[in-house]
Each structure stands twice: as C-alpha cells, then as structure tokens.
Amino acid sequence: MDEHMKRRLDKQKKLFRQLGIQLDALSIHEKEFSTKLRGYDQQEVDTFLDEVIKDYERFYATISDLMDKWQEQQIIIRDLKAGVKPEPERPLLDPVELEETVARLEADLRILKKQIRPEQRFYID
C-alpha cells in the first residue's frame, strides 16, 4: 500500500472514530471469515463486501466534503461577527475583454455578410 493511500485511510479511520463509526473500508477489506461445510459462497460474500467498501468510500468522501464546507461557513460566520466583510466575488469574465470579443464578433459577422450573396433572405438582423 502506498503512502498516500495509508494517510488517506488513517484520516478516514480518525474521522469515523469521531463520528462513532466502527468500520472503515480497510477493516472490511481485511476481515477474514472462517469457512464451514455448509457456509456462504465465499465469492458472493467478497463481492458484497467490495460493494460495501465502495459505499464506505463514498460516505467518507461525502462526509469530508460536507465537513470542509461546514468549516468554510464557520470561517465566514466568524468573520461576519468580527465585522470583516467578505471579498466580493470576481466576475468570471473581464468586462473590457468581453466588449472586445463582442466587437470582434460583430466585425466578423459584417465581413461574412459581405461575402455571401446580397439577397435579403440570407441576412440575419
């Protein structure tokens, strides 16, 4: 097991312990069952446990994501209580760049209109 995966599983175990969850993906994966004469189909059990492991991984990812969002909200709340204004969100597009792009597209459209036949039905206004 690589170091990244080990750290991730340790972090997962720690979080699950805090939440009172006893099992984690690795403990499910490493669980060994004894076999008996009239026991369950081992391959069927392994397949089911693999599905459980995938669910645990999704649970962990969801819980981690929600906890990160919660922490971000706590910081915002703390800052608001302290009177610190949040930074305004920067627009996705620069207005000057947007205007230049629109002007360039309009110029290209005029050139295209001149290149097509001058019949009225080809113009889109």
N, C-alpha and C. Protein backbone atom coordinates (compact mmCIF):
# COMPACT_ATOMS: atom_id res chain seq x y z
N MET A 1 0.85 -1.17 0.00
CA MET A 1 0.00 0.00 0.00
C MET A 1 0.90 1.24 0.00
N ASP A 2 0.59 2.17 -0.90
CA ASP A 2 1.43 3.36 -0.99
C ASP A 2 1.13 4.32 0.16
N GLU A 3 2.03 5.26 0.35
CA GLU A 3 1.96 6.18 1.49
C GLU A 3 0.71 7.07 1.44
N HIS A 4 0.35 7.51 0.22
CA HIS A 4 -0.83 8.36 0.07
C HIS A 4 -2.09 7.63 0.54
N MET A 5 -2.22 6.38 0.11
CA MET A 5 -3.40 5.59 0.49
C MET A 5 -3.42 5.34 1.99
N LYS A 6 -2.26 5.08 2.57
CA LYS A 6 -2.18 4.85 4.01
C LYS A 6 -2.62 6.09 4.79
N ARG A 7 -2.14 7.28 4.37
CA ARG A 7 -2.55 8.52 5.04
C ARG A 7 -4.05 8.75 4.90
N ARG A 8 -4.57 8.46 3.71
CA ARG A 8 -6.00 8.65 3.46
C ARG A 8 -6.83 7.72 4.35
N LEU A 9 -6.40 6.48 4.47
CA LEU A 9 -7.13 5.54 5.32
C LEU A 9 -7.02 5.90 6.79
N ASP A 10 -5.85 6.39 7.21
CA ASP A 10 -5.69 6.83 8.60
C ASP A 10 -6.61 8.01 8.90
N LYS A 11 -6.69 8.94 7.95
CA LYS A 11 -7.57 10.09 8.11
C LYS A 11 -9.03 9.64 8.18
N GLN A 12 -9.37 8.67 7.34
CA GLN A 12 -10.72 8.13 7.33
C GLN A 12 -11.04 7.45 8.66
N LYS A 13 -10.12 6.65 9.17
CA LYS A 13 -10.34 5.99 10.46
C LYS A 13 -10.56 7.00 11.57
N LYS A 14 -9.74 8.05 11.58
CA LYS A 14 -9.85 9.08 12.61
C LYS A 14 -11.22 9.76 12.56
N LEU A 15 -11.64 10.12 11.35
CA LEU A 15 -12.95 10.75 11.19
C LEU A 15 -14.07 9.81 11.62
N PHE A 16 -14.00 8.56 11.20
CA PHE A 16 -15.04 7.61 11.56
C PHE A 16 -15.10 7.40 13.07
N ARG A 17 -13.93 7.35 13.72
CA ARG A 17 -13.92 7.20 15.19
C ARG A 17 -14.62 8.39 15.85
N GLN A 18 -14.36 9.60 15.32
CA GLN A 18 -15.00 10.80 15.87
C GLN A 18 -16.52 10.74 15.71
N LEU A 19 -16.97 10.11 14.63
CA LEU A 19 -18.40 10.02 14.36
C LEU A 19 -19.04 8.77 14.98
N GLY A 20 -18.23 7.95 15.64
CA GLY A 20 -18.76 6.74 16.28
C GLY A 20 -18.98 5.59 15.32
N ILE A 21 -18.34 5.66 14.15
CA ILE A 21 -18.46 4.58 13.15
C ILE A 21 -17.31 3.62 13.38
N GLN A 22 -17.63 2.35 13.57
CA GLN A 22 -16.60 1.38 13.93
C GLN A 22 -15.86 0.80 12.73
N LEU A 23 -16.53 0.63 11.60
CA LEU A 23 -15.90 0.01 10.45
C LEU A 23 -15.42 1.06 9.46
N ASP A 24 -14.34 0.74 8.79
CA ASP A 24 -13.86 1.55 7.68
C ASP A 24 -13.56 0.61 6.53
N ALA A 25 -13.25 1.16 5.37
CA ALA A 25 -13.06 0.35 4.16
C ALA A 25 -11.97 -0.70 4.34
N LEU A 26 -10.87 -0.33 4.97
CA LEU A 26 -9.76 -1.26 5.13
C LEU A 26 -10.11 -2.41 6.06
N SER A 27 -10.79 -2.10 7.18
CA SER A 27 -11.16 -3.19 8.11
C SER A 27 -12.16 -4.13 7.47
N ILE A 28 -13.03 -3.62 6.62
CA ILE A 28 -13.97 -4.50 5.91
C ILE A 28 -13.20 -5.37 4.93
N HIS A 29 -12.26 -4.76 4.21
CA HIS A 29 -11.47 -5.49 3.22
C HIS A 29 -10.63 -6.59 3.86
N GLU A 30 -10.07 -6.31 5.03
CA GLU A 30 -9.17 -7.26 5.68
C GLU A 30 -9.88 -8.30 6.54
N LYS A 31 -11.18 -8.19 6.70
CA LYS A 31 -11.92 -9.14 7.53
C LYS A 31 -11.88 -10.53 6.93
N GLU A 32 -11.50 -11.50 7.73
CA GLU A 32 -11.45 -12.90 7.31
C GLU A 32 -12.58 -13.66 8.00
N PHE A 33 -13.24 -14.50 7.27
CA PHE A 33 -14.30 -15.34 7.82
C PHE A 33 -13.87 -16.78 7.74
N SER A 34 -14.25 -17.54 8.76
CA SER A 34 -13.94 -18.97 8.72
C SER A 34 -14.95 -19.66 7.80
N THR A 35 -14.50 -20.74 7.18
CA THR A 35 -15.38 -21.48 6.28
C THR A 35 -15.89 -22.73 6.97
N LYS A 36 -17.10 -23.07 6.69
CA LYS A 36 -17.73 -24.27 7.23
C LYS A 36 -18.26 -25.07 6.05
N LEU A 37 -18.65 -26.25 6.33
CA LEU A 37 -19.11 -27.15 5.28
C LEU A 37 -20.32 -26.57 4.54
N ARG A 38 -21.28 -26.05 5.26
CA ARG A 38 -22.49 -25.54 4.63
C ARG A 38 -22.55 -24.01 4.78
N GLY A 39 -21.43 -23.34 4.60
CA GLY A 39 -21.37 -21.89 4.77
C GLY A 39 -21.79 -21.14 3.52
N TYR A 40 -21.60 -19.84 3.55
CA TYR A 40 -21.94 -18.99 2.42
C TYR A 40 -20.91 -19.12 1.32
N ASP A 41 -21.31 -18.78 0.12
CA ASP A 41 -20.40 -18.77 -1.02
C ASP A 41 -19.39 -17.65 -0.80
N GLN A 42 -18.12 -18.01 -0.68
CA GLN A 42 -17.08 -17.04 -0.35
C GLN A 42 -16.97 -15.94 -1.41
N GLN A 43 -17.11 -16.29 -2.67
CA GLN A 43 -17.01 -15.28 -3.73
C GLN A 43 -18.18 -14.30 -3.66
N GLU A 44 -19.36 -14.80 -3.34
CA GLU A 44 -20.53 -13.93 -3.21
C GLU A 44 -20.36 -12.96 -2.04
N VAL A 45 -19.82 -13.46 -0.94
CA VAL A 45 -19.57 -12.60 0.22
C VAL A 45 -18.53 -11.55 -0.12
N ASP A 46 -17.45 -11.95 -0.80
CA ASP A 46 -16.41 -11.00 -1.18
C ASP A 46 -16.96 -9.91 -2.11
N THR A 47 -17.79 -10.31 -3.05
CA THR A 47 -18.40 -9.34 -3.97
C THR A 47 -19.26 -8.35 -3.20
N PHE A 48 -20.05 -8.84 -2.26
CA PHE A 48 -20.89 -7.97 -1.46
C PHE A 48 -20.04 -7.02 -0.62
N LEU A 49 -19.00 -7.55 0.00
CA LEU A 49 -18.14 -6.70 0.82
C LEU A 49 -17.42 -5.64 -0.01
N ASP A 50 -17.09 -5.97 -1.26
CA ASP A 50 -16.49 -4.97 -2.15
C ASP A 50 -17.47 -3.82 -2.39
N GLU A 51 -18.76 -4.13 -2.53
CA GLU A 51 -19.77 -3.09 -2.70
C GLU A 51 -19.89 -2.26 -1.43
N VAL A 52 -19.82 -2.91 -0.28
CA VAL A 52 -19.88 -2.18 1.00
C VAL A 52 -18.69 -1.24 1.11
N ILE A 53 -17.51 -1.71 0.71
CA ILE A 53 -16.30 -0.88 0.75
C ILE A 53 -16.47 0.35 -0.13
N LYS A 54 -17.02 0.16 -1.34
CA LYS A 54 -17.24 1.30 -2.23
C LYS A 54 -18.19 2.31 -1.59
N ASP A 55 -19.23 1.80 -0.94
CA ASP A 55 -20.16 2.70 -0.26
C ASP A 55 -19.46 3.46 0.86
N TYR A 56 -18.63 2.79 1.62
CA TYR A 56 -17.90 3.45 2.69
C TYR A 56 -17.00 4.55 2.13
N GLU A 57 -16.36 4.28 1.01
CA GLU A 57 -15.52 5.29 0.38
C GLU A 57 -16.35 6.50 -0.04
N ARG A 58 -17.54 6.24 -0.60
CA ARG A 58 -18.42 7.36 -0.99
C ARG A 58 -18.90 8.11 0.25
N PHE A 59 -19.23 7.38 1.32
CA PHE A 59 -19.65 8.03 2.57
C PHE A 59 -18.54 8.93 3.08
N TYR A 60 -17.33 8.41 3.08
CA TYR A 60 -16.20 9.18 3.58
C TYR A 60 -16.00 10.45 2.74
N ALA A 61 -16.06 10.29 1.42
CA ALA A 61 -15.87 11.45 0.55
C ALA A 61 -16.96 12.49 0.79
N THR A 62 -18.20 12.03 0.95
CA THR A 62 -19.31 12.95 1.19
C THR A 62 -19.16 13.64 2.53
N ILE A 63 -18.84 12.88 3.55
CA ILE A 63 -18.68 13.44 4.89
C ILE A 63 -17.53 14.46 4.90
N SER A 64 -16.42 14.11 4.26
CA SER A 64 -15.27 15.02 4.21
C SER A 64 -15.64 16.31 3.49
N ASP A 65 -16.34 16.18 2.37
CA ASP A 65 -16.75 17.36 1.61
C ASP A 65 -17.68 18.24 2.44
N LEU A 66 -18.64 17.63 3.10
CA LEU A 66 -19.57 18.40 3.92
C LEU A 66 -18.86 19.07 5.10
N MET A 67 -17.90 18.38 5.68
CA MET A 67 -17.16 18.97 6.79
C MET A 67 -16.32 20.15 6.31
N ASP A 68 -15.72 20.03 5.12
CA ASP A 68 -14.95 21.15 4.56
C ASP A 68 -15.86 22.35 4.32
N LYS A 69 -17.03 22.10 3.75
CA LYS A 69 -17.97 23.20 3.51
C LYS A 69 -18.44 23.81 4.83
N TRP A 70 -18.67 22.98 5.82
CA TRP A 70 -19.09 23.47 7.13
C TRP A 70 -18.00 24.36 7.73
N GLN A 71 -16.74 23.94 7.63
CA GLN A 71 -15.64 24.74 8.15
C GLN A 71 -15.54 26.07 7.42
N GLU A 72 -15.74 26.07 6.10
CA GLU A 72 -15.73 27.33 5.35
C GLU A 72 -16.83 28.26 5.84
N GLN A 73 -18.00 27.69 6.07
CA GLN A 73 -19.12 28.50 6.56
C GLN A 73 -18.83 29.05 7.96
N GLN A 74 -18.19 28.25 8.79
CA GLN A 74 -17.83 28.71 10.13
C GLN A 74 -16.87 29.89 10.07
N ILE A 75 -15.93 29.85 9.14
CA ILE A 75 -14.98 30.96 8.97
C ILE A 75 -15.71 32.21 8.53
N ILE A 76 -16.65 32.05 7.58
CA ILE A 76 -17.43 33.19 7.11
C ILE A 76 -18.24 33.78 8.25
N ILE A 77 -18.88 32.94 9.03
CA ILE A 77 -19.68 33.40 10.16
C ILE A 77 -18.80 34.14 11.17
N ARG A 78 -17.64 33.56 11.47
CA ARG A 78 -16.71 34.20 12.41
C ARG A 78 -16.29 35.57 11.90
N ASP A 79 -15.97 35.66 10.60
CA ASP A 79 -15.55 36.93 10.02
C ASP A 79 -16.69 37.95 10.03
N LEU A 80 -17.90 37.50 9.74
CA LEU A 80 -19.04 38.42 9.77
C LEU A 80 -19.29 38.95 11.18
N LYS A 81 -19.15 38.07 12.18
CA LYS A 81 -19.33 38.51 13.56
C LYS A 81 -18.24 39.50 13.97
N ALA A 82 -17.04 39.32 13.40
CA ALA A 82 -15.94 40.22 13.72
C ALA A 82 -16.00 41.51 12.91
N GLY A 83 -16.94 41.60 11.99
CA GLY A 83 -17.09 42.81 11.18
C GLY A 83 -16.24 42.83 9.94
N VAL A 84 -15.66 41.71 9.59
CA VAL A 84 -14.85 41.64 8.37
C VAL A 84 -15.77 41.31 7.20
N LYS A 85 -15.75 42.16 6.19
CA LYS A 85 -16.60 41.93 5.02
C LYS A 85 -15.94 40.91 4.12
N PRO A 86 -16.73 39.97 3.60
CA PRO A 86 -16.14 39.00 2.67
C PRO A 86 -15.76 39.69 1.36
N GLU A 87 -14.72 39.18 0.73
CA GLU A 87 -14.28 39.74 -0.53
C GLU A 87 -15.34 39.48 -1.60
N PRO A 88 -15.67 40.50 -2.39
CA PRO A 88 -16.67 40.27 -3.44
C PRO A 88 -16.11 39.29 -4.46
N GLU A 89 -17.02 38.48 -4.99
CA GLU A 89 -16.58 37.51 -5.98
C GLU A 89 -16.19 38.23 -7.26
N ARG A 90 -15.09 37.81 -7.82
CA ARG A 90 -14.60 38.40 -9.06
C ARG A 90 -15.45 37.89 -10.22
N PRO A 91 -15.81 38.76 -11.16
CA PRO A 91 -16.61 38.30 -12.29
C PRO A 91 -15.83 37.25 -13.09
N LEU A 92 -16.56 36.32 -13.66
CA LEU A 92 -15.92 35.27 -14.43
C LEU A 92 -15.24 35.81 -15.68
N LEU A 93 -15.84 36.83 -16.28
CA LEU A 93 -15.26 37.43 -17.48
C LEU A 93 -14.92 38.89 -17.21
N ASP A 94 -13.83 39.32 -17.76
CA ASP A 94 -13.44 40.72 -17.66
C ASP A 94 -14.35 41.52 -18.59
N PRO A 95 -15.05 42.54 -18.08
CA PRO A 95 -15.98 43.29 -18.92
C PRO A 95 -15.33 43.91 -20.15
N VAL A 96 -14.12 44.41 -20.03
CA VAL A 96 -13.42 45.02 -21.18
C VAL A 96 -13.13 43.94 -22.21
N GLU A 97 -12.66 42.80 -21.75
CA GLU A 97 -12.35 41.70 -22.67
C GLU A 97 -13.62 41.21 -23.36
N LEU A 98 -14.72 41.18 -22.61
CA LEU A 98 -16.00 40.76 -23.18
C LEU A 98 -16.45 41.72 -24.28
N GLU A 99 -16.33 43.03 -24.03
CA GLU A 99 -16.71 44.02 -25.03
C GLU A 99 -15.85 43.89 -26.29
N GLU A 100 -14.56 43.66 -26.10
CA GLU A 100 -13.66 43.50 -27.25
C GLU A 100 -14.04 42.26 -28.06
N THR A 101 -14.39 41.19 -27.38
CA THR A 101 -14.78 39.97 -28.06
C THR A 101 -16.07 40.18 -28.85
N VAL A 102 -17.04 40.84 -28.23
CA VAL A 102 -18.30 41.12 -28.93
C VAL A 102 -18.04 41.99 -30.16
N ALA A 103 -17.22 43.03 -30.02
CA ALA A 103 -16.90 43.91 -31.16
C ALA A 103 -16.23 43.12 -32.28
N ARG A 104 -15.30 42.23 -31.93
CA ARG A 104 -14.61 41.41 -32.92
C ARG A 104 -15.60 40.48 -33.64
N LEU A 105 -16.52 39.89 -32.89
CA LEU A 105 -17.52 39.00 -33.49
C LEU A 105 -18.46 39.78 -34.42
N GLU A 106 -18.85 40.98 -34.00
CA GLU A 106 -19.71 41.80 -34.86
C GLU A 106 -19.00 42.17 -36.15
N ALA A 107 -17.71 42.48 -36.07
CA ALA A 107 -16.92 42.80 -37.27
C ALA A 107 -16.84 41.58 -38.18
N ASP A 108 -16.60 40.41 -37.59
CA ASP A 108 -16.56 39.17 -38.39
C ASP A 108 -17.90 38.91 -39.05
N LEU A 109 -18.98 39.19 -38.35
CA LEU A 109 -20.31 38.99 -38.91
C LEU A 109 -20.54 39.92 -40.11
N ARG A 110 -20.10 41.19 -40.01
CA ARG A 110 -20.23 42.13 -41.14
C ARG A 110 -19.44 41.62 -42.35
N ILE A 111 -18.25 41.10 -42.11
CA ILE A 111 -17.43 40.57 -43.21
C ILE A 111 -18.12 39.38 -43.86
N LEU A 112 -18.68 38.51 -43.06
CA LEU A 112 -19.38 37.34 -43.59
C LEU A 112 -20.61 37.74 -44.40
N LYS A 113 -21.32 38.77 -43.94
CA LYS A 113 -22.50 39.24 -44.67
C LYS A 113 -22.10 39.77 -46.04
N LYS A 114 -20.94 40.41 -46.15
CA LYS A 114 -20.48 40.95 -47.43
C LYS A 114 -20.06 39.82 -48.37
N GLN A 115 -19.60 38.70 -47.83
CA GLN A 115 -19.09 37.61 -48.65
C GLN A 115 -20.22 36.74 -49.21
N ILE A 116 -21.36 36.70 -48.56
CA ILE A 116 -22.46 35.89 -49.09
C ILE A 116 -23.21 36.69 -50.13
N ARG A 117 -24.06 36.01 -50.86
CA ARG A 117 -24.83 36.70 -51.91
C ARG A 117 -25.69 37.79 -51.28
N PRO A 118 -25.84 38.89 -51.94
CA PRO A 118 -26.53 40.03 -51.37
C PRO A 118 -28.05 39.89 -51.32
N GLU A 119 -28.57 38.69 -51.44
CA GLU A 119 -30.02 38.53 -51.37
C GLU A 119 -30.48 38.74 -49.92
N GLN A 120 -31.60 39.36 -49.78
CA GLN A 120 -32.11 39.74 -48.46
C GLN A 120 -32.35 38.52 -47.57
N ARG A 121 -32.77 37.41 -48.15
CA ARG A 121 -33.12 36.26 -47.33
C ARG A 121 -31.92 35.63 -46.62
N PHE A 122 -30.69 35.99 -47.01
CA PHE A 122 -29.51 35.46 -46.36
C PHE A 122 -29.06 36.29 -45.17
N TYR A 123 -29.64 37.44 -44.98
CA TYR A 123 -29.21 38.30 -43.89
C TYR A 123 -29.98 37.98 -42.62
N ILE A 124 -29.27 37.97 -41.55
CA ILE A 124 -29.89 37.76 -40.24
C ILE A 124 -29.66 39.04 -39.45
N ASP A 125 -30.71 39.75 -39.17
CA ASP A 125 -30.56 41.00 -38.41
C ASP A 125 -31.22 40.87 -37.06
